[in-house]
N, C-alpha and C. Protein backbone atom coordinates (compact mmCIF):
# COMPACT_ATOMS: atom_id res chain seq x y z
N UNK A 1 0.83 -1.16 0.00
CA UNK A 1 0.00 0.00 0.00
C UNK A 1 0.88 1.23 0.00
N UNK A 2 0.49 2.24 -0.72
CA UNK A 2 1.25 3.49 -0.79
C UNK A 2 0.52 4.55 0.01
N UNK A 3 1.25 5.24 0.88
CA UNK A 3 0.69 6.30 1.71
C UNK A 3 1.34 7.60 1.33
N UNK A 4 0.60 8.69 1.42
CA UNK A 4 1.14 10.01 1.09
C UNK A 4 1.10 10.88 2.33
N UNK A 5 2.26 11.17 2.88
CA UNK A 5 2.37 11.99 4.08
C UNK A 5 2.96 13.33 3.67
N UNK A 6 2.25 14.41 3.94
CA UNK A 6 2.73 15.72 3.51
C UNK A 6 3.24 16.56 4.67
N UNK A 7 3.29 16.02 5.86
CA UNK A 7 3.86 16.77 6.98
C UNK A 7 4.96 15.93 7.61
N UNK A 8 5.72 16.54 8.50
CA UNK A 8 6.86 15.83 9.10
C UNK A 8 6.52 15.29 10.48
N UNK A 9 5.24 15.20 10.80
CA UNK A 9 4.86 14.64 12.08
C UNK A 9 5.16 13.14 12.10
N UNK A 10 5.26 12.63 13.30
CA UNK A 10 5.46 11.19 13.43
C UNK A 10 4.23 10.45 12.95
N UNK A 11 4.46 9.37 12.26
CA UNK A 11 3.40 8.47 11.82
C UNK A 11 3.46 7.24 12.71
N UNK A 12 2.33 6.60 12.90
CA UNK A 12 2.29 5.38 13.69
C UNK A 12 1.55 4.31 12.91
N UNK A 13 2.19 3.19 12.72
CA UNK A 13 1.60 2.03 12.08
C UNK A 13 1.30 1.00 13.16
N UNK A 14 0.02 0.65 13.30
CA UNK A 14 -0.40 -0.34 14.30
C UNK A 14 -0.98 -1.56 13.59
N UNK A 15 -0.78 -2.70 14.21
CA UNK A 15 -1.25 -3.96 13.63
C UNK A 15 -1.34 -5.00 14.73
N UNK A 16 -2.05 -6.07 14.46
CA UNK A 16 -2.12 -7.21 15.37
C UNK A 16 -1.43 -8.39 14.68
N UNK A 17 -0.68 -9.17 15.45
CA UNK A 17 0.03 -10.31 14.87
C UNK A 17 -0.14 -11.54 15.75
N UNK A 18 -0.04 -12.69 15.12
CA UNK A 18 -0.15 -13.99 15.79
C UNK A 18 0.99 -14.84 15.25
N UNK A 19 1.88 -15.26 16.13
CA UNK A 19 3.03 -16.07 15.74
C UNK A 19 3.07 -17.27 16.67
N UNK A 20 2.66 -18.42 16.16
CA UNK A 20 2.52 -19.58 17.03
C UNK A 20 2.98 -20.85 16.32
N UNK A 21 3.58 -21.73 17.09
CA UNK A 21 4.01 -23.02 16.58
C UNK A 21 5.43 -23.33 17.02
N UNK A 22 5.85 -24.54 16.73
CA UNK A 22 7.18 -24.96 17.18
C UNK A 22 8.30 -24.46 16.28
N UNK A 23 7.96 -23.99 15.09
CA UNK A 23 9.01 -23.49 14.18
C UNK A 23 8.50 -22.26 13.43
N UNK A 24 8.33 -21.17 14.15
CA UNK A 24 7.88 -19.91 13.55
C UNK A 24 9.10 -19.15 13.07
N UNK A 25 8.98 -18.51 11.95
CA UNK A 25 10.09 -17.74 11.39
C UNK A 25 10.13 -16.32 11.92
N UNK A 26 10.15 -15.34 11.01
CA UNK A 26 10.35 -13.94 11.35
C UNK A 26 9.29 -13.08 10.67
N UNK A 27 8.82 -12.07 11.39
CA UNK A 27 7.92 -11.07 10.85
C UNK A 27 8.68 -9.75 10.78
N UNK A 28 8.77 -9.16 9.59
CA UNK A 28 9.48 -7.90 9.37
C UNK A 28 8.52 -6.84 8.84
N UNK A 29 8.74 -5.60 9.25
CA UNK A 29 8.02 -4.44 8.71
C UNK A 29 9.08 -3.50 8.13
N UNK A 30 8.88 -3.09 6.88
CA UNK A 30 9.81 -2.19 6.20
C UNK A 30 9.11 -0.89 5.83
N UNK A 31 9.87 0.19 5.82
CA UNK A 31 9.45 1.48 5.30
C UNK A 31 10.19 1.69 3.99
N UNK A 32 9.44 1.99 2.94
CA UNK A 32 10.05 2.13 1.62
C UNK A 32 9.60 3.43 0.97
N UNK A 33 10.55 4.24 0.54
CA UNK A 33 10.30 5.39 -0.35
C UNK A 33 11.38 5.30 -1.42
N UNK A 34 12.38 6.12 -1.41
CA UNK A 34 13.46 5.95 -2.38
C UNK A 34 14.42 4.84 -1.95
N UNK A 35 14.42 4.52 -0.68
CA UNK A 35 15.19 3.39 -0.14
C UNK A 35 14.25 2.55 0.72
N UNK A 36 14.73 1.41 1.12
CA UNK A 36 13.92 0.52 1.97
C UNK A 36 14.69 0.23 3.24
N UNK A 37 14.03 0.38 4.40
CA UNK A 37 14.69 0.07 5.67
C UNK A 37 13.74 -0.69 6.58
N UNK A 38 14.30 -1.65 7.30
CA UNK A 38 13.50 -2.42 8.25
C UNK A 38 13.28 -1.57 9.49
N UNK A 39 12.01 -1.43 9.90
CA UNK A 39 11.70 -0.59 11.06
C UNK A 39 11.14 -1.40 12.23
N UNK A 40 10.88 -2.70 12.01
CA UNK A 40 10.37 -3.57 13.08
C UNK A 40 10.63 -5.01 12.69
N UNK A 41 10.98 -5.84 13.66
CA UNK A 41 11.23 -7.25 13.38
C UNK A 41 11.01 -8.08 14.64
N UNK A 42 10.48 -9.29 14.46
CA UNK A 42 10.29 -10.21 15.57
C UNK A 42 10.43 -11.63 15.05
N UNK A 43 11.17 -12.46 15.78
CA UNK A 43 11.40 -13.85 15.38
C UNK A 43 10.96 -14.80 16.48
N UNK A 44 10.54 -15.99 16.07
CA UNK A 44 10.20 -17.04 17.01
C UNK A 44 8.75 -17.02 17.45
N UNK A 45 8.32 -18.13 18.02
CA UNK A 45 6.94 -18.29 18.43
C UNK A 45 6.60 -17.56 19.71
N UNK A 46 5.34 -17.30 19.88
CA UNK A 46 4.78 -16.68 21.07
C UNK A 46 3.66 -17.60 21.57
N UNK A 47 2.97 -17.18 22.62
CA UNK A 47 1.80 -17.93 23.09
C UNK A 47 0.72 -17.90 22.02
N UNK A 48 -0.22 -18.80 22.09
CA UNK A 48 -1.28 -18.92 21.10
C UNK A 48 -2.33 -17.83 21.33
N UNK A 49 -1.96 -16.59 21.03
CA UNK A 49 -2.86 -15.45 21.17
C UNK A 49 -2.40 -14.33 20.25
N UNK A 50 -3.24 -13.32 20.08
CA UNK A 50 -2.93 -12.15 19.26
C UNK A 50 -2.24 -11.10 20.11
N UNK A 51 -1.26 -10.41 19.51
CA UNK A 51 -0.52 -9.33 20.16
C UNK A 51 -0.62 -8.08 19.31
N UNK A 52 -0.62 -6.92 19.97
CA UNK A 52 -0.62 -5.66 19.23
C UNK A 52 0.81 -5.21 19.01
N UNK A 53 1.11 -4.83 17.78
CA UNK A 53 2.41 -4.27 17.45
C UNK A 53 2.23 -2.84 16.97
N UNK A 54 3.22 -2.02 17.18
CA UNK A 54 3.18 -0.67 16.65
C UNK A 54 4.59 -0.17 16.43
N UNK A 55 4.71 0.69 15.44
CA UNK A 55 6.01 1.28 15.14
C UNK A 55 5.77 2.73 14.70
N UNK A 56 6.55 3.64 15.26
CA UNK A 56 6.48 5.06 14.89
C UNK A 56 7.61 5.38 13.93
N UNK A 57 7.33 6.26 12.99
CA UNK A 57 8.34 6.66 12.02
C UNK A 57 8.02 8.06 11.52
N UNK A 58 9.05 8.76 11.04
CA UNK A 58 8.87 10.11 10.49
C UNK A 58 9.24 10.11 9.02
N UNK A 59 8.33 10.64 8.22
CA UNK A 59 8.57 10.78 6.78
C UNK A 59 7.57 11.79 6.26
N UNK A 60 7.96 12.58 5.28
CA UNK A 60 7.05 13.61 4.75
C UNK A 60 6.88 13.48 3.24
N UNK A 61 6.85 12.26 2.75
CA UNK A 61 6.65 12.02 1.32
C UNK A 61 5.87 10.72 1.14
N UNK A 62 5.48 10.46 -0.09
CA UNK A 62 4.80 9.19 -0.38
C UNK A 62 5.71 8.03 0.00
N UNK A 63 5.13 7.01 0.59
CA UNK A 63 5.93 5.87 1.04
C UNK A 63 5.06 4.62 1.09
N UNK A 64 5.71 3.50 1.27
CA UNK A 64 5.03 2.22 1.40
C UNK A 64 5.44 1.56 2.70
N UNK A 65 4.50 0.83 3.29
CA UNK A 65 4.79 -0.07 4.40
C UNK A 65 4.75 -1.48 3.81
N UNK A 66 5.81 -2.23 4.00
CA UNK A 66 5.91 -3.58 3.46
C UNK A 66 5.96 -4.56 4.63
N UNK A 67 5.09 -5.56 4.59
CA UNK A 67 5.04 -6.59 5.62
C UNK A 67 5.59 -7.88 5.02
N UNK A 68 6.59 -8.45 5.69
CA UNK A 68 7.22 -9.67 5.21
C UNK A 68 7.16 -10.75 6.29
N UNK A 69 6.67 -11.91 5.94
CA UNK A 69 6.71 -13.07 6.82
C UNK A 69 7.66 -14.10 6.25
N UNK A 70 8.62 -14.52 7.04
CA UNK A 70 9.59 -15.53 6.61
C UNK A 70 9.30 -16.80 7.40
N UNK A 71 9.03 -17.87 6.69
CA UNK A 71 8.67 -19.11 7.37
C UNK A 71 9.88 -19.74 8.05
N UNK A 72 9.58 -20.59 9.01
CA UNK A 72 10.63 -21.35 9.68
C UNK A 72 11.10 -22.50 8.81
N UNK A 73 11.82 -23.43 9.41
CA UNK A 73 12.42 -24.54 8.65
C UNK A 73 11.42 -25.60 8.24
N UNK A 74 10.27 -25.68 8.91
CA UNK A 74 9.26 -26.66 8.51
C UNK A 74 7.87 -26.03 8.59
N UNK A 75 6.85 -26.84 8.56
CA UNK A 75 5.47 -26.34 8.50
C UNK A 75 4.81 -26.24 9.87
N UNK A 76 5.56 -26.34 10.95
CA UNK A 76 4.99 -26.38 12.30
C UNK A 76 4.88 -25.01 12.96
N UNK A 77 4.67 -23.97 12.19
CA UNK A 77 4.48 -22.65 12.75
C UNK A 77 3.78 -21.76 11.75
N UNK A 78 3.16 -20.71 12.25
CA UNK A 78 2.45 -19.80 11.36
C UNK A 78 2.52 -18.37 11.85
N UNK A 79 2.43 -17.44 10.89
CA UNK A 79 2.41 -16.01 11.18
C UNK A 79 1.17 -15.42 10.52
N UNK A 80 0.39 -14.66 11.29
CA UNK A 80 -0.78 -13.96 10.76
C UNK A 80 -0.70 -12.50 11.16
N UNK A 81 -1.22 -11.62 10.30
CA UNK A 81 -1.26 -10.18 10.56
C UNK A 81 -2.67 -9.71 10.24
N UNK A 82 -3.23 -8.83 11.09
CA UNK A 82 -4.60 -8.37 10.91
C UNK A 82 -4.75 -6.95 11.45
N UNK A 83 -5.82 -6.29 11.08
CA UNK A 83 -6.26 -5.01 11.63
C UNK A 83 -5.17 -3.93 11.54
N UNK A 84 -4.75 -3.61 10.32
CA UNK A 84 -3.72 -2.61 10.08
C UNK A 84 -4.32 -1.22 10.17
N UNK A 85 -3.69 -0.32 10.93
CA UNK A 85 -4.14 1.07 11.03
C UNK A 85 -2.94 2.01 10.95
N UNK A 86 -3.19 3.21 10.45
CA UNK A 86 -2.14 4.22 10.29
C UNK A 86 -2.54 5.50 10.98
């Protein structure tokens, strides 16, 4: 998704995530405009419940938030993301 920010105020990206299983990989959040940088990352399993994540960032131009899920070594884990807000 592409967002257009025309002021230099802090932006906040909020989301809910679920990372459960014996072999969960990594969840990454990137900020992309002319370059791409990782602004949030979490690896490994958690309890079988949903958690709220949030990351603040400053940018005053059109940009993208990229969500990347990297699987573990086998199929015994899962990553879900829901309820994205800006």
